[in-house]
Amino acid sequence: MKNELYIKALYALCEMKSSEISKYCDEFTGKKVAIFPAGPTAQKFCQTLKNEYGIDTEIFIDNNPLLNGTVIDGKPVTCCPWEQNPDFADDYVVFISTAAKYYFQIAKQLEKANVFSYIHSFAFCASRLWEKYSKVLDLLHDEQSKLAYLGAIYSLLSNDTTFIQHEREQYFAIEPFFITDSEVIIDAGAYVGDTVEEYVRRSAMDKVTIYAFEPNEIVLKKLKTRLNRIKNEWLINDGDIIIIPSGVSNKTQTLKFSSPGGGGGGGGEFGGGSLWGGEENGVFFFFFFFKKKKFFFY
């Protein structure tokens, strides 16, 4: 329990940041909404604002001159609207909906134009989901998991990666990995099988079953190719590594969600892992799927 105080402090930091963002957003009541830039992530966030929070978007902003004057999802796209509208800074709040590494670049551009009412879409959604996020903490088994989880949440809330865990060994550093006589490993979001392969390389795969969940059809093909190679190289039985071509949710259902370009997983209610364009994918209620299986969650 050497990290218990650190975990409590990081939890309090996340809670304080979430409350701070919520109060900050209250100041935007009555303002029109602009989303910057106008890419696929921003378009998805526009839908999230409408469907989850009842917030309508007025315009998209983008620095690409080829998009200026176009219309996306019924919303006009404009470059530098503050140059045409002298009241833009007073009338609008700008949601910056892009990768964190581009956030500060866009924020600097807005401040240079005297536009100070802006917020990262990740921070907005994370603050709204903080109550749900905090409940997940009690489900995590070890201190390393809790620290990594809270560090990731804080980075969403603040764009500060100070507390992100980047240990080379990751969870393979946990000594008591094998706890039962019949261990079940769940890789929920297996991507292309990189974590599964690393685990196989480090273990004897003795009395272990791995379930690899992956709903992204593009990634799924690469996952199957990789796992077939691993089984052949390490003489692993087909039943020891099982691919589940679905997501994981709080109930069994069919959802439409997206992951542009087939990249890694998203988060919260504004990410996902499927083909861009709203393909339908099945998801399993996690505990129903494993109700007859004994497992530990890492």
Protein backbone atom coordinates (compact mmCIF):
# COMPACT_ATOMS: atom_id res chain seq x y z
CA MET A 1 0.00 0.00 0.00
CA LYS A 2 3.01 2.27 -0.46
CA ASN A 3 1.19 4.33 -3.11
CA GLU A 4 -2.10 4.68 -1.21
CA LEU A 5 -1.55 8.35 -0.30
CA TYR A 6 -0.39 9.12 -3.83
CA ILE A 7 -3.55 7.51 -5.25
CA LYS A 8 -5.76 9.53 -2.87
CA ALA A 9 -3.95 12.74 -3.81
CA LEU A 10 -4.27 12.06 -7.55
CA TYR A 11 -7.96 11.20 -7.09
CA ALA A 12 -8.50 14.50 -5.27
CA LEU A 13 -6.66 16.32 -8.04
CA CYS A 14 -8.94 14.76 -10.69
CA GLU A 15 -12.03 15.59 -8.63
CA MET A 16 -10.91 19.20 -8.14
CA LYS A 17 -10.11 19.60 -11.86
CA SER A 18 -13.47 18.14 -12.86
CA SER A 19 -15.30 20.57 -10.57
CA GLU A 20 -13.21 23.46 -11.88
CA ILE A 21 -14.09 22.60 -15.49
CA SER A 22 -17.80 22.28 -14.66
CA LYS A 23 -17.82 25.73 -13.08
CA TYR A 24 -15.86 27.12 -16.02
CA CYS A 25 -18.43 25.70 -18.46
CA ASP A 26 -21.27 27.31 -16.49
CA GLU A 27 -19.85 30.66 -17.60
CA PHE A 28 -20.59 29.70 -21.21
CA THR A 29 -24.35 29.44 -20.68
CA GLY A 30 -26.15 31.30 -23.45
CA LYS A 31 -23.12 31.44 -25.76
CA LYS A 32 -23.15 29.98 -29.27
CA VAL A 33 -20.97 26.93 -29.90
CA ALA A 34 -18.15 26.63 -32.43
CA ILE A 35 -15.99 23.52 -32.90
CA PHE A 36 -12.39 23.82 -34.06
CA PRO A 37 -11.23 22.12 -36.32
CA ALA A 38 -13.73 20.39 -38.66
CA GLY A 39 -12.21 16.90 -38.98
CA PRO A 40 -13.82 13.50 -38.23
CA THR A 41 -13.11 13.78 -34.48
CA ALA A 42 -14.80 17.18 -34.36
CA GLN A 43 -17.78 15.90 -36.36
CA LYS A 44 -18.20 13.01 -33.93
CA PHE A 45 -17.96 15.40 -31.00
CA CYS A 46 -20.65 17.60 -32.61
CA GLN A 47 -22.97 14.59 -32.53
CA THR A 48 -22.03 13.87 -28.91
CA LEU A 49 -22.82 17.44 -27.84
CA LYS A 50 -26.25 17.18 -29.44
CA ASN A 51 -27.16 13.62 -28.46
CA GLU A 52 -25.68 13.44 -24.97
CA TYR A 53 -25.88 17.02 -23.72
CA GLY A 54 -28.53 18.70 -25.89
CA ILE A 55 -26.05 21.31 -27.12
CA ASP A 56 -26.33 22.54 -30.71
CA THR A 57 -23.26 23.55 -32.69
CA GLU A 58 -23.47 26.77 -34.69
CA ILE A 59 -20.33 26.53 -36.85
CA PHE A 60 -17.12 24.60 -37.51
CA ILE A 61 -13.80 26.44 -37.68
CA ASP A 62 -10.87 25.16 -39.72
CA ASN A 63 -7.58 26.62 -40.96
CA ASN A 64 -7.82 24.71 -44.24
CA PRO A 65 -8.86 27.31 -46.87
CA LEU A 66 -10.37 24.55 -49.02
CA LEU A 67 -13.01 23.97 -46.33
CA ASN A 68 -13.91 27.64 -45.97
CA GLY A 69 -17.51 28.16 -47.10
CA THR A 70 -18.36 24.45 -47.14
CA VAL A 71 -21.05 22.77 -45.05
CA ILE A 72 -20.54 19.69 -42.84
CA ASP A 73 -23.53 18.00 -41.22
CA GLY A 74 -25.56 21.11 -41.91
CA LYS A 75 -23.04 23.38 -40.16
CA PRO A 76 -21.07 26.03 -42.07
CA VAL A 77 -17.27 25.84 -41.99
CA THR A 78 -15.33 29.09 -41.77
CA CYS A 79 -11.73 30.21 -41.33
CA CYS A 80 -10.99 32.79 -38.62
CA PRO A 81 -14.61 33.89 -37.98
CA TRP A 82 -13.37 36.51 -35.49
CA GLU A 83 -12.02 38.48 -38.44
CA GLN A 84 -15.51 38.80 -39.96
CA ASN A 85 -17.44 39.05 -36.69
CA PRO A 86 -16.07 41.60 -34.18
CA ASP A 87 -18.40 40.19 -31.49
CA PHE A 88 -17.24 36.59 -31.97
CA ALA A 89 -15.21 36.49 -28.73
CA ASP A 90 -18.23 37.63 -26.70
CA ASP A 91 -20.84 35.54 -28.51
CA TYR A 92 -19.11 32.14 -28.88
CA VAL A 93 -17.42 29.40 -26.89
CA VAL A 94 -14.97 27.30 -28.91
CA PHE A 95 -14.61 23.57 -28.32
CA ILE A 96 -11.19 22.41 -29.48
CA SER A 97 -11.80 18.87 -30.68
CA THR A 98 -8.52 17.39 -31.81
CA ALA A 99 -5.60 15.34 -30.52
CA ALA A 100 -4.05 16.70 -27.33
CA LYS A 101 -0.76 17.47 -29.06
CA TYR A 102 -2.53 20.04 -31.28
CA TYR A 103 -4.61 21.57 -28.48
CA PHE A 104 -2.06 24.14 -27.34
CA GLN A 105 -1.33 25.20 -30.92
CA ILE A 106 -5.01 25.99 -31.51
CA ALA A 107 -5.40 27.59 -28.06
CA LYS A 108 -2.47 29.90 -28.85
CA GLN A 109 -4.12 30.89 -32.15
CA LEU A 110 -7.40 31.69 -30.37
CA GLU A 111 -5.73 33.77 -27.67
CA LYS A 112 -3.79 35.68 -30.31
CA ALA A 113 -7.21 36.62 -31.74
CA ASN A 114 -8.40 37.62 -28.22
CA VAL A 115 -10.71 34.61 -28.01
CA PHE A 116 -10.44 33.23 -24.46
CA SER A 117 -13.68 31.26 -24.12
CA TYR A 118 -12.48 27.84 -25.22
CA ILE A 119 -12.13 24.32 -23.84
CA HIS A 120 -10.79 20.98 -25.04
CA SER A 121 -13.55 18.52 -25.95
CA PHE A 122 -11.75 15.79 -23.98
CA ALA A 123 -11.80 17.91 -20.82
CA PHE A 124 -15.48 18.78 -21.27
CA CYS A 125 -16.56 15.14 -21.68
CA ALA A 126 -14.24 13.84 -18.96
CA SER A 127 -15.64 16.35 -16.45
CA ARG A 128 -19.18 15.29 -17.33
CA LEU A 129 -18.21 11.61 -16.94
CA TRP A 130 -16.10 12.00 -13.81
CA GLU A 131 -18.71 10.42 -11.53
CA LYS A 132 -18.77 7.30 -13.72
CA TYR A 133 -14.99 7.28 -14.12
CA SER A 134 -14.50 7.44 -10.35
CA LYS A 135 -16.61 4.33 -9.79
CA VAL A 136 -14.28 2.30 -12.03
CA LEU A 137 -11.43 2.87 -9.58
CA ASP A 138 -12.95 0.44 -7.06
CA LEU A 139 -12.92 -2.30 -9.71
CA LEU A 140 -9.17 -2.13 -10.19
CA HIS A 141 -7.14 -4.72 -8.30
CA ASP A 142 -3.70 -3.23 -7.80
CA GLU A 143 -2.14 0.15 -7.06
CA GLN A 144 -0.34 0.30 -10.40
CA SER A 145 -3.64 0.01 -12.24
CA LYS A 146 -5.19 2.77 -10.14
CA LEU A 147 -2.27 5.11 -10.67
CA ALA A 148 -2.23 4.50 -14.42
CA TYR A 149 -6.01 4.97 -14.63
CA LEU A 150 -6.11 8.21 -12.63
CA GLY A 151 -3.12 9.55 -14.54
CA ALA A 152 -4.95 8.96 -17.82
CA ILE A 153 -8.14 10.63 -16.53
CA TYR A 154 -6.19 13.64 -15.27
CA SER A 155 -4.53 14.02 -18.67
CA LEU A 156 -7.99 14.16 -20.29
CA LEU A 157 -9.13 16.79 -17.81
CA SER A 158 -6.03 18.96 -18.01
CA ASN A 159 -3.93 18.09 -21.09
CA ASP A 160 -1.17 17.50 -18.54
CA THR A 161 0.62 14.16 -18.98
CA THR A 162 2.75 14.51 -15.83
CA PHE A 163 1.03 11.61 -14.11
CA ILE A 164 0.77 9.31 -17.12
CA GLN A 165 2.44 5.97 -16.38
CA HIS A 166 4.95 5.00 -19.06
CA GLU A 167 6.71 2.05 -17.50
CA ARG A 168 8.45 -0.23 -19.96
CA GLU A 169 7.30 -3.37 -18.16
CA GLN A 170 3.69 -2.22 -17.80
CA TYR A 171 1.55 -4.89 -16.12
CA PHE A 172 4.08 -7.62 -16.79
CA ALA A 173 5.98 -6.26 -13.78
CA ILE A 174 3.24 -7.54 -11.44
CA GLU A 175 4.78 -10.56 -9.70
CA PRO A 176 1.68 -12.53 -8.58
CA PHE A 177 0.27 -12.71 -12.10
CA PHE A 178 -0.82 -16.32 -11.80
CA ILE A 179 -3.30 -16.54 -8.94
CA THR A 180 -5.60 -19.44 -9.80
CA ASP A 181 -5.12 -22.89 -11.27
CA SER A 182 -7.03 -21.78 -14.35
CA GLU A 183 -6.23 -18.14 -15.09
CA VAL A 184 -8.33 -16.09 -17.53
CA ILE A 185 -6.77 -13.00 -19.12
CA ILE A 186 -9.09 -10.42 -20.74
CA ASP A 187 -7.66 -8.01 -23.31
CA ALA A 188 -10.61 -5.65 -23.78
CA GLY A 189 -9.49 -3.72 -26.82
CA ALA A 190 -6.87 -6.12 -28.17
CA TYR A 191 -6.00 -3.89 -31.14
CA VAL A 192 -3.49 -5.82 -33.31
CA GLY A 193 -2.52 -8.27 -30.55
CA ASP A 194 0.68 -6.55 -29.35
CA THR A 195 -0.13 -7.03 -25.66
CA VAL A 196 -1.20 -10.64 -26.19
CA GLU A 197 2.06 -11.41 -27.99
CA GLU A 198 4.14 -9.80 -25.24
CA TYR A 199 2.32 -11.84 -22.60
CA VAL A 200 2.84 -15.07 -24.55
CA ARG A 201 6.52 -14.27 -24.92
CA ARG A 202 6.90 -13.82 -21.16
CA SER A 203 4.83 -16.78 -19.98
CA ALA A 204 4.52 -20.49 -20.53
CA MET A 205 0.77 -20.17 -21.30
CA ASP A 206 0.21 -22.97 -18.76
CA LYS A 207 -3.47 -23.33 -17.82
CA VAL A 208 -4.20 -19.87 -19.18
CA THR A 209 -6.95 -18.71 -21.54
CA ILE A 210 -6.80 -15.30 -23.22
CA TYR A 211 -9.95 -13.60 -24.52
CA ALA A 212 -9.13 -10.83 -27.00
CA PHE A 213 -12.05 -8.43 -27.57
CA GLU A 214 -11.78 -6.26 -30.70
CA PRO A 215 -14.78 -4.81 -32.65
CA ASN A 216 -12.82 -2.80 -35.22
CA GLU A 217 -13.14 -4.71 -38.50
CA ILE A 218 -9.97 -3.22 -40.01
CA VAL A 219 -7.89 -3.99 -36.91
CA LEU A 220 -9.56 -7.39 -36.49
CA LYS A 221 -8.01 -8.70 -39.70
CA LYS A 222 -4.53 -7.77 -38.47
CA LEU A 223 -5.27 -9.25 -35.05
CA LYS A 224 -6.28 -12.60 -36.55
CA THR A 225 -3.16 -12.69 -38.73
CA ARG A 226 -0.91 -11.95 -35.77
CA LEU A 227 -2.54 -14.45 -33.41
CA ASN A 228 -2.43 -17.22 -36.04
CA ARG A 229 1.30 -16.62 -36.32
CA ILE A 230 1.72 -16.62 -32.54
CA LYS A 231 -0.16 -19.92 -32.18
CA ASN A 232 2.02 -21.56 -34.80
CA GLU A 233 5.28 -20.20 -33.40
CA TRP A 234 4.53 -21.10 -29.77
CA LEU A 235 2.47 -24.28 -30.42
CA ILE A 236 -0.56 -22.81 -28.65
CA ASN A 237 -3.95 -24.52 -28.87
CA ASP A 238 -6.74 -22.61 -30.62
CA GLY A 239 -8.83 -22.66 -27.44
CA ASP A 240 -6.12 -20.93 -25.40
CA ILE A 241 -6.40 -17.61 -27.28
CA ILE A 242 -9.93 -16.71 -28.32
CA ILE A 243 -10.85 -13.67 -30.41
CA ILE A 244 -14.22 -12.06 -29.65
CA PRO A 245 -15.16 -9.72 -32.56
CA SER A 246 -17.19 -7.43 -30.30
CA GLY A 247 -16.81 -4.65 -27.79
CA VAL A 248 -17.43 -4.71 -24.04
CA SER A 249 -20.29 -2.79 -22.45
CA ASN A 250 -22.69 -2.78 -19.50
CA LYS A 251 -25.23 -4.84 -21.49
CA THR A 252 -25.45 -7.01 -24.58
CA GLN A 253 -26.56 -4.82 -27.47
CA THR A 254 -25.70 -3.44 -30.91
CA LEU A 255 -24.10 0.00 -31.07
CA LYS A 256 -22.92 2.42 -33.73
CA PHE A 257 -19.55 3.91 -32.92
CA SER A 258 -16.43 4.97 -34.71
CA SER A 259 -12.64 5.06 -34.77
CA PRO A 260 -11.28 7.00 -37.76
CA GLY A 261 -8.49 5.22 -39.59
CA GLY A 262 -8.67 2.10 -37.47
CA GLY A 263 -6.45 3.53 -34.74
CA GLY A 264 -6.26 2.69 -31.06
CA GLY A 265 -9.17 2.87 -28.67
CA GLY A 266 -11.05 5.98 -27.69
CA GLY A 267 -12.54 6.84 -24.36
CA GLY A 268 -15.68 7.71 -22.54
CA GLU A 269 -18.74 8.41 -24.64
CA PHE A 270 -16.91 10.12 -27.47
CA GLY A 271 -14.56 7.38 -28.64
CA GLY A 272 -14.81 3.82 -29.84
CA GLY A 273 -13.32 1.18 -32.01
CA SER A 274 -15.02 0.40 -35.30
CA LEU A 275 -15.11 1.51 -38.91
CA TRP A 276 -15.61 5.22 -39.47
CA GLY A 277 -19.09 5.81 -40.82
CA GLY A 278 -21.23 4.27 -38.09
CA GLU A 279 -20.93 0.55 -38.69
CA GLU A 280 -23.05 -1.51 -36.30
CA ASN A 281 -21.14 -3.73 -33.89
CA GLY A 282 -22.23 -6.12 -31.17
CA VAL A 283 -21.06 -5.63 -27.62
CA PHE A 284 -21.26 -8.10 -24.76
CA PHE A 285 -22.29 -7.39 -21.21
CA PHE A 286 -18.93 -8.16 -19.63
CA PHE A 287 -20.05 -10.07 -16.54
CA PHE A 288 -22.75 -12.00 -18.40
CA PHE A 289 -20.21 -13.29 -20.90
CA PHE A 290 -17.95 -14.49 -18.09
CA LYS A 291 -20.60 -15.42 -15.54
CA LYS A 292 -19.53 -19.09 -15.50
CA LYS A 293 -15.81 -18.36 -15.60
CA LYS A 294 -13.49 -17.49 -12.74
CA PHE A 295 -11.20 -14.62 -13.60
CA PHE A 296 -9.14 -11.78 -12.23
CA PHE A 297 -9.09 -8.38 -13.87
CA TYR A 298 -5.75 -6.66 -14.56
